[in-house]
Protein backbone atom coordinates (compact mmCIF):
# COMPACT_ATOMS: atom_id res chain seq x y z
CA MET A 1 115.18 297.01 235.54
CA CYS A 2 112.57 299.36 234.04
CA LYS A 3 113.79 302.97 233.88
CA LEU A 4 110.24 304.29 233.39
CA ILE A 5 109.16 303.47 236.94
CA PRO A 6 109.30 306.71 239.03
CA GLY A 7 111.65 306.33 241.98
CA ASN A 8 113.39 303.32 240.47
CA GLN A 9 117.18 302.95 240.31
CA LYS A 10 117.37 304.23 243.90
CA HIS A 11 118.55 302.38 246.97
CA LEU A 12 115.91 300.72 249.13
CA THR A 13 115.31 302.51 252.41
CA LEU A 14 114.52 301.02 255.81
CA ASP A 15 110.85 302.02 255.34
CA ASN A 16 110.82 300.14 252.02
CA ARG A 17 112.23 297.05 253.68
CA VAL A 18 109.73 297.22 256.55
CA PHE A 19 106.91 297.38 253.98
CA ILE A 20 108.41 294.40 252.11
CA GLU A 21 108.58 292.35 255.33
CA LYS A 22 104.98 293.12 256.32
CA SER A 23 103.76 292.42 252.78
CA LEU A 24 105.57 289.06 252.69
CA ASP A 25 103.98 288.20 256.04
CA ASN A 26 100.62 288.70 254.29
CA ASN A 27 101.64 286.63 251.21
CA MET A 28 101.60 289.62 248.85
CA PRO A 29 103.33 288.77 245.52
CA PHE A 30 106.45 290.62 244.37
CA CYS A 31 104.63 292.45 241.58
CA GLU A 32 102.13 293.96 244.03
CA ILE A 33 104.87 294.97 246.47
CA ALA A 34 106.80 296.60 243.62
CA LYS A 35 103.80 298.75 242.69
CA TYR A 36 103.50 300.22 246.18
CA ILE A 37 107.18 301.19 246.57
CA CYS A 38 107.75 302.08 242.89
CA LYS A 39 110.35 299.41 242.13
CA ASP A 40 110.79 296.69 239.57
CA PRO A 41 109.58 293.23 240.75
CA SER A 42 113.07 291.84 240.06
CA THR A 43 114.44 294.32 242.62
CA ILE A 44 112.19 292.86 245.29
CA SER A 45 113.14 289.32 244.28
CA LYS A 46 116.88 290.07 244.45
CA GLU A 47 116.49 291.87 247.78
CA VAL A 48 114.67 288.91 249.37
CA ARG A 49 117.08 286.25 248.04
CA LYS A 50 120.16 288.25 248.96
CA HIS A 51 119.20 289.19 252.50
CA ARG A 52 117.01 286.32 253.70
CA THR A 53 118.23 284.67 256.91
CA LEU A 54 118.40 280.93 257.53
CA ASN A 55 116.60 279.40 260.48
CA PRO A 56 118.04 275.84 260.46
CA ARG A 57 115.86 272.92 261.29
CA ASN A 58 115.92 271.43 264.77
CA ASP A 59 118.12 268.32 264.70
CA PHE A 60 117.53 267.60 268.36
CA VAL A 61 114.75 265.19 267.39
CA ASN A 62 115.67 262.69 264.66
CA PHE A 63 113.54 263.06 261.57
CA ASN A 64 113.70 261.60 258.07
CA HIS A 65 114.40 264.49 255.66
CA CYS A 66 114.26 262.44 252.45
CA SER A 67 111.88 263.79 249.80
CA ASN A 68 111.04 260.19 248.74
CA ARG A 69 110.03 258.95 252.20
CA ARG A 70 106.29 259.02 251.48
CA ASN A 71 106.58 256.50 248.62
CA CYS A 72 109.56 254.53 249.89
CA HIS A 73 109.16 250.85 250.85
CA LEU A 74 112.82 249.96 251.46
CA ARG A 75 113.87 248.07 254.58
CA ASN A 76 117.18 247.49 256.36
CA VAL A 77 119.15 249.94 254.19
CA CYS A 78 121.75 250.31 256.95
CA ASN A 79 122.51 246.52 256.73
CA ARG A 80 122.16 245.74 260.41
CA PRO A 81 123.20 242.23 261.50
CA ILE A 82 119.69 241.70 262.77
CA PRO A 83 117.40 242.99 260.02
CA CYS A 84 115.13 245.84 261.07
CA SER A 85 111.44 245.16 260.70
CA LYS A 86 110.24 248.71 260.17
CA GLN A 87 110.38 250.64 256.92
CA CYS A 88 113.34 252.96 256.40
CA SER A 89 111.00 255.84 255.63
CA SER A 90 110.15 256.05 259.33
CA CYS A 91 113.81 256.06 260.41
CA ALA A 92 116.18 259.05 260.36
CA GLU A 93 119.24 256.76 260.05
CA CYS A 94 118.40 255.98 256.44
CA ASN A 95 119.48 259.53 255.50
CA LYS A 96 123.08 258.52 256.23
CA HIS A 97 123.07 255.15 254.43
CA CYS A 98 120.59 255.25 251.56
CA ILE A 99 122.13 255.98 248.16
CA SER A 100 118.75 257.24 246.93
CA PHE A 101 118.53 259.90 249.63
CA VAL A 102 117.41 263.30 248.28
CA GLU A 103 117.04 266.04 250.87
CA GLU A 104 113.58 267.57 250.93
CA ILE A 105 113.46 271.29 250.16
CA CYS A 106 110.30 273.29 250.63
CA SER A 107 108.82 274.89 247.51
CA TYR A 108 108.46 278.13 249.43
CA ILE A 109 112.25 278.64 249.43
CA SER A 110 113.11 277.01 246.08
CA LYS A 111 110.91 279.44 244.14
CA ALA A 112 109.10 282.71 244.80
CA PRO A 113 108.64 284.00 247.48
CA TYR A 114 111.89 282.23 248.58
CA ILE A 115 111.06 282.74 252.28
CA CYS A 116 108.68 281.34 254.89
CA ASN A 117 107.28 284.62 256.31
CA GLY A 118 103.72 284.00 255.17
CA CYS A 119 103.66 280.21 255.37
CA SER A 120 100.83 278.90 257.53
CA LYS A 121 102.78 275.71 258.34
CA LYS A 122 106.01 277.34 259.55
CA ALA A 123 105.24 276.71 263.22
CA HIS A 124 105.22 272.93 262.71
CA CYS A 125 107.60 272.61 259.74
CA ARG A 126 110.70 270.47 260.35
CA LEU A 127 112.65 271.70 257.33
CA ASP A 128 115.15 274.53 257.01
CA LYS A 129 113.30 277.85 256.99
CA TYR A 130 114.25 281.23 255.57
CA PHE A 131 112.88 284.56 256.79
CA TYR A 132 113.15 288.11 255.53
CA ARG A 133 113.70 290.65 258.32
CA ALA A 134 113.81 294.36 257.48
CA THR A 135 116.24 295.37 260.25
CA VAL A 136 118.69 292.55 259.49
CA SER A 137 118.50 293.25 255.76
CA ASN A 138 119.12 296.98 256.24
CA LYS A 139 122.09 296.28 258.51
CA GLU A 140 123.65 293.96 255.91
CA TYR A 141 123.02 296.57 253.20
CA LYS A 142 124.77 299.28 255.25
CA THR A 143 127.76 296.99 255.85
CA ILE A 144 128.12 296.20 252.14
CA LEU A 145 127.71 299.88 251.28
CA VAL A 146 130.60 300.86 253.57
CA GLU A 147 132.89 298.01 252.53
CA SER A 148 132.37 298.79 248.84
CA ARG A 149 133.67 302.30 249.42
CA ASN A 150 136.87 301.30 251.21
CA GLY A 151 140.17 301.82 249.44
CA ILE A 152 141.28 304.46 246.93
CA ASN A 153 138.92 305.32 244.11
CA LEU A 154 141.65 306.58 241.75
CA SER A 155 143.69 305.07 238.95
CA PRO A 156 147.49 304.86 239.52
CA GLU A 157 148.01 307.67 237.00
CA ASP A 158 145.49 309.99 238.71
CA LEU A 159 146.96 309.22 242.12
CA LYS A 160 150.47 309.99 240.88
CA HIS A 161 149.25 313.28 239.42
CA MET A 162 147.57 314.24 242.68
CA ASP A 163 150.71 313.33 244.64
CA SER A 164 152.81 315.59 242.41
CA ILE A 165 150.57 318.54 243.32
CA VAL A 166 149.67 317.89 246.94
CA SER A 167 152.90 316.60 248.49
CA PRO A 168 155.19 319.53 247.55
CA LEU A 169 152.62 322.05 248.78
CA ILE A 170 152.13 320.18 252.06
CA LEU A 171 155.93 320.32 252.60
CA GLN A 172 155.72 324.08 251.98
CA GLY A 173 153.35 324.37 254.95
CA GLN A 174 150.06 324.62 253.08
CA THR A 175 146.93 322.93 254.37
CA PRO A 176 144.78 320.52 252.34
CA TYR A 177 142.02 323.14 252.33
CA GLN A 178 144.33 325.71 250.73
CA ILE A 179 145.47 323.20 248.12
CA ILE A 180 141.90 322.29 247.09
CA ALA A 181 140.84 325.94 246.99
CA ASN A 182 143.76 326.85 244.67
CA HIS A 183 143.66 323.70 242.52
CA PRO A 184 140.11 322.99 241.30
CA GLU A 185 141.48 320.22 239.06
CA ILE A 186 141.77 318.05 242.20
CA LYS A 187 138.31 316.49 242.30
CA CYS A 188 138.12 315.42 245.94
CA THR A 189 137.38 316.84 249.38
CA GLU A 190 139.70 318.00 252.13
CA LYS A 191 138.79 314.93 254.21
CA THR A 192 139.77 312.64 251.32
CA ILE A 193 143.27 314.14 251.18
CA TYR A 194 143.68 313.63 254.91
CA ASN A 195 142.57 310.00 254.48
CA TYR A 196 145.04 309.44 251.60
CA ILE A 197 147.87 310.87 253.70
CA ALA A 198 146.92 308.75 256.73
CA SER A 199 146.75 305.56 254.60
CA GLY A 200 150.19 306.20 253.02
CA ALA A 201 148.84 306.69 249.50
CA LEU A 202 150.73 309.99 249.11
CA SER A 203 154.43 310.75 249.58
CA VAL A 204 153.85 312.98 252.63
CA LYS A 205 152.97 311.55 256.04
CA ASN A 206 150.97 312.69 259.05
CA LEU A 207 154.21 314.05 260.55
CA ASP A 208 154.35 316.57 257.71
CA LEU A 209 151.03 318.07 258.86
CA PRO A 210 152.13 320.46 261.63
CA ARG A 211 148.73 320.83 263.30
CA LYS A 212 147.77 317.17 263.19
CA VAL A 213 150.76 316.01 265.23
CA LYS A 214 149.86 318.46 268.00
CA TYR A 215 146.51 316.83 268.72
CA LYS A 216 146.23 313.53 270.50
CA LEU A 217 143.74 310.97 269.27
CA ARG A 218 140.61 310.90 271.37
CA ASN A 219 140.09 307.71 273.30
CA PRO A 220 136.67 306.32 272.40
CA HIS A 221 134.23 306.01 275.27
CA PRO A 222 134.18 302.38 276.47
CA SER A 223 130.40 302.23 276.00
CA GLU A 224 130.44 303.62 272.46
CA ILE A 225 128.79 301.47 269.76
CA ASN A 226 130.91 301.03 266.65
CA ASP A 227 128.14 299.85 264.32
CA LYS A 228 126.35 303.11 263.49
CA GLY A 229 123.93 301.34 261.14
CA ILE A 230 121.72 300.22 264.04
CA PHE A 231 120.77 303.84 264.75
CA GLU A 232 118.96 304.30 261.44
CA GLY A 233 115.31 304.80 262.23
CA ARG A 234 116.09 304.65 265.98
CA THR A 235 117.56 308.11 266.71
CA TYR A 236 116.18 310.59 269.23
CA LYS A 237 114.73 312.59 266.36
CA ASP A 238 112.84 309.47 265.19
CA PHE A 239 111.66 309.01 268.78
CA LEU A 240 110.25 312.55 268.92
CA THR A 241 108.51 312.02 265.57
CA TYR A 242 106.91 308.82 266.85
CA ILE A 243 105.75 310.43 270.11
CA GLN A 244 104.30 313.36 268.19
CA ALA A 245 102.28 310.93 266.08
CA TYR A 246 101.27 308.77 269.07
CA PRO A 247 101.31 311.09 272.13
CA ASP A 248 99.54 308.60 274.43
CA THR A 249 102.28 305.97 274.12
CA ASN A 250 103.77 304.79 277.41
CA VAL A 251 107.50 305.49 277.21
CA VAL A 252 110.00 303.40 279.19
CA GLU A 253 113.55 304.66 279.74
CA MET A 254 116.36 302.11 280.06
CA ASP A 255 119.89 302.35 281.46
CA THR A 256 122.50 300.45 283.48
CA VAL A 257 124.19 301.25 286.79
CA VAL A 258 127.72 299.92 287.31
CA GLY A 259 129.54 299.19 290.54
CA CYS A 260 133.13 299.88 291.52
CA GLU A 261 136.08 299.09 289.28
CA GLY A 262 136.47 295.33 289.12
CA SER A 263 132.81 294.68 289.96
CA ARG A 264 131.36 292.37 287.32
CA LYS A 265 127.62 292.54 288.04
CA VAL A 266 125.57 295.57 286.98
CA PHE A 267 122.00 296.82 287.43
CA LEU A 268 119.63 297.08 284.47
CA THR A 269 117.01 299.75 285.18
CA LEU A 270 113.67 300.28 283.40
CA PHE A 271 111.79 303.49 284.25
CA PHE A 272 108.11 304.12 283.39
CA ARG A 273 107.59 307.79 282.65
CA ASN A 274 103.86 307.76 283.34
CA CYS A 275 104.11 306.55 286.95
CA LYS A 276 107.86 306.91 287.77
CA LEU A 277 108.10 303.18 288.61
CA MET A 278 111.66 301.85 288.27
CA LEU A 279 112.42 298.15 287.78
CA ILE A 280 115.89 296.90 288.67
CA TYR A 281 117.38 293.64 287.42
CA LEU A 282 120.78 292.24 288.35
CA LEU A 283 122.89 291.29 285.32
CA PRO A 284 125.89 288.92 285.58
CA ASP A 285 127.84 291.22 283.23
CA LYS A 286 127.41 294.30 281.10
CA THR A 287 126.70 292.59 277.76
CA ALA A 288 123.93 292.69 275.16
CA ALA A 289 123.19 289.00 275.75
CA SER A 290 122.45 289.59 279.45
CA VAL A 291 120.02 292.41 278.65
CA ALA A 292 118.25 290.23 276.06
CA LYS A 293 117.82 287.46 278.67
CA VAL A 294 115.94 289.89 280.93
CA PHE A 295 113.63 290.82 278.05
CA ASP A 296 113.01 287.13 277.24
CA TYR A 297 112.35 286.42 280.93
CA LEU A 298 109.76 289.19 281.14
CA GLU A 299 108.09 288.12 277.89
CA LYS A 300 107.76 284.52 279.09
CA LYS A 301 106.31 285.69 282.39
CA ILE A 302 103.72 288.15 281.08
CA SER A 303 103.16 286.93 277.46
CA THR A 304 104.24 288.65 274.24
CA LEU A 305 101.03 290.66 273.86
CA LEU A 306 101.23 292.06 277.39
CA PHE A 307 104.92 292.82 276.90
CA CYS A 308 104.02 294.90 273.81
CA ARG A 309 101.43 296.85 275.80
CA THR A 310 103.69 297.36 278.83
CA PHE A 311 106.93 298.23 276.97
CA PRO A 312 105.76 299.69 273.62
CA VAL A 313 108.64 302.18 273.29
CA ILE A 314 112.01 302.06 275.07
CA LEU A 315 114.46 304.98 275.07
CA THR A 316 118.06 304.23 276.03
CA ASP A 317 121.64 305.42 275.57
CA ARG A 318 124.32 304.12 273.21
CA GLY A 319 126.05 301.72 275.61
CA THR A 320 127.50 298.50 274.23
CA GLU A 321 125.04 296.50 276.34
CA PHE A 322 122.28 297.87 274.06
CA SER A 323 124.19 297.30 270.82
CA ASN A 324 121.88 294.54 269.53
CA PRO A 325 118.44 296.15 269.18
CA ASP A 326 117.19 293.36 266.91
CA ASN A 327 117.41 290.85 269.78
CA LEU A 328 115.62 293.25 272.13
CA GLU A 329 112.87 294.22 269.69
CA THR A 330 112.18 290.69 268.42
CA GLY A 331 110.54 288.25 270.79
CA ILE A 332 111.00 284.55 271.38
CA ASP A 333 108.75 283.55 268.43
CA ASN A 334 110.22 286.21 266.09
CA VAL A 335 107.37 288.59 266.95
CA ILE A 336 108.10 292.31 267.33
CA ARG A 337 107.58 293.04 271.03
CA THR A 338 108.90 296.63 271.42
CA SER A 339 110.64 299.53 269.65
CA ILE A 340 114.11 300.71 270.75
CA TYR A 341 115.26 304.31 270.31
CA TYR A 342 118.66 305.81 271.20
CA CYS A 343 119.52 309.17 272.73
CA ASP A 344 122.07 311.37 271.00
CA PRO A 345 125.74 310.95 272.08
CA MET A 346 126.61 312.72 275.32
CA ALA A 347 122.96 313.77 275.81
CA SER A 348 121.86 312.08 279.02
CA TRP A 349 119.34 314.91 279.54
CA GLN A 350 117.18 313.29 276.86
CA LYS A 351 116.32 310.59 279.42
CA ALA A 352 116.74 312.74 282.49
CA SER A 353 114.02 311.00 284.50
CA ILE A 354 115.87 307.70 284.86
CA GLU A 355 119.19 309.48 285.47
CA LYS A 356 117.58 311.44 288.30
CA ASN A 357 115.95 308.31 289.73
CA HIS A 358 119.35 306.59 289.95
CA GLU A 359 120.06 308.88 292.90
CA PHE A 360 117.88 306.60 295.04
CA ILE A 361 120.14 303.65 294.20
CA ARG A 362 123.19 305.68 295.19
CA TYR A 363 121.62 306.48 298.58
CA VAL A 364 121.81 302.77 299.37
CA LEU A 365 124.85 301.86 297.24
CA PRO A 366 127.19 304.87 296.97
CA LYS A 367 129.66 305.08 294.10
CA GLY A 368 132.49 302.66 294.71
CA SER A 369 130.17 299.89 295.94
CA SER A 370 130.40 296.40 294.48
CA PHE A 371 127.29 294.53 293.31
CA ASP A 372 128.95 291.11 293.08
CA ASN A 373 127.62 289.85 296.43
CA PHE A 374 123.99 290.71 295.68
CA THR A 375 121.23 288.47 294.34
CA GLN A 376 118.07 289.34 292.42
CA TRP A 377 116.17 289.08 295.72
CA ASP A 378 118.33 291.91 297.12
CA THR A 379 117.77 293.92 293.94
CA THR A 380 113.99 293.52 294.10
CA LYS A 381 114.06 294.53 297.76
CA LEU A 382 115.96 297.70 296.82
CA ALA A 383 113.43 298.47 294.04
CA SER A 384 110.50 297.97 296.43
CA HIS A 385 111.86 300.51 298.92
CA ILE A 386 112.66 303.04 296.17
CA ASN A 387 109.24 302.72 294.52
CA SER A 388 107.43 302.99 297.87
CA THR A 389 108.92 306.44 298.51
CA ALA A 390 106.36 309.23 298.09
CA ARG A 391 107.17 311.91 295.47
CA ALA A 392 106.16 315.55 295.46
CA SER A 393 105.88 315.36 291.65
CA LEU A 394 103.15 312.71 292.10
CA ASN A 395 101.20 314.83 294.66
CA GLY A 396 102.39 312.71 297.55
CA LEU A 397 101.76 309.33 295.92
CA ALA A 398 104.44 306.66 295.68
CA PRO A 399 105.31 305.25 292.22
CA ILE A 400 104.21 301.77 293.27
CA GLN A 401 100.74 303.09 294.14
CA LEU A 402 100.35 304.89 290.85
CA ALA A 403 101.70 301.89 288.92
CA GLN A 404 98.96 299.67 290.31
CA MET A 405 96.41 302.04 288.76
CA LEU A 406 98.12 302.67 285.39
CA LEU A 407 99.83 299.38 284.55
CA ASP A 408 98.22 296.03 283.78
CA LYS A 409 97.68 294.02 286.96
CA ASP A 410 99.28 290.85 285.57
CA ALA A 411 102.36 292.78 284.49
CA PHE A 412 102.66 294.55 287.83
CA HIS A 413 102.45 291.28 289.80
CA ALA A 414 105.10 289.73 287.51
CA PHE A 415 107.57 292.43 288.54
CA GLY A 416 107.63 290.99 292.07
CA LEU A 417 107.49 294.36 293.84
CA ARG A 418 105.77 294.89 297.19
CA GLU A 419 104.68 298.11 298.81
CA ILE A 420 106.66 299.08 301.91
CA SER A 421 104.89 301.04 304.64
CA PRO A 422 106.20 304.62 305.01
CA ASN A 423 107.74 304.02 308.46
CA GLU A 424 109.68 300.97 307.25
CA ILE A 425 111.29 302.50 304.15
CA VAL A 426 115.10 302.48 304.36
CA LEU A 427 117.23 304.35 301.82
CA THR A 428 120.65 304.03 303.43
CA PRO A 429 123.44 301.43 303.04
CA LYS A 430 121.87 299.71 306.03
CA LEU A 431 119.13 298.29 303.73
CA LEU A 432 121.41 295.78 301.96
CA LYS A 433 124.11 295.44 304.57
CA LYS A 434 125.11 291.78 304.85
């Protein structure tokens, strides 16, 4: 690694990895990529090889994967009782029986660039493919970074010396902060001492800390996401920066509405800020896979390009059902279809519009109602009545009327909503009463 390159010997950032991915999509060589992000070309090579993801070949259709099949003239390698008349090169069974079988490996993955991002034949290739994805790579990097820092970064002698200072003073009633302030030879933070005590590395225990035993551990919120790495580049601050740069972007807020305790089905809601239209989809459960299926369904129905234009930016909370942003942002053909951003913890006011609009759902389905007996037809009916209700904030227009003017016509028709006449709108439990 060259030490003369400015900015070298630093960790790659998410922006660096996004640039690498886009450059590989355009078949830019490693040396050119390295110039733009001020890194050594070997750094780019190691990054790609270490974090590339395998897309295995489709074995549903039998195919001969032997590298010698084009020049092979062997017949009946499998020794069938009735000799086969066709050449083995056109049969996938020869891969199991031929002693000369050598699996074909694409040159794209055996040497630089080691991935298939920029390959023009990847759509029809039947071999194993490797792709470099910036978000996946950055997530793996964060995981390795955390795991490498687990444990105690002290030699047994240094730990014993620290224990001889800290433990007696803790038993005398002093706090870790006092000990560090009075003993500068202890080269660690207050939090590190607490962690050492909690892990049993020191002679004293948590019970010897008088204030710690008084406080109960907080129960984590059931919708809290444990993997904090997914929030990098997707925080509310990043969202505000993006909107400041692109103020005309149509923002869509996303959330879920749950039923009573024991109710399995939930509502997924998507709210368009520009016209106050709210889409409602019935999910079989509150999981990330169910949310991704709705996104895939919409993409298939309106095309990837129209999905990008209709849902360019989505703002949501940190519920576990949104814990896999890569699946939501990446489309069926591995094309980026949207950008997901997350509100800050306990800050529902950052997407207040959709929270306020949920009141209409509660008019029909008060808290304590179960959604298990409903179908998507019932859910679309509910959305049609809600979106046909005139709003003072829209100067007397209904969201469905404004949506027909602001949204693409094909996208609007794919949502399956219909305008309800003002005298027929029902926003009471009577609407979905079985």
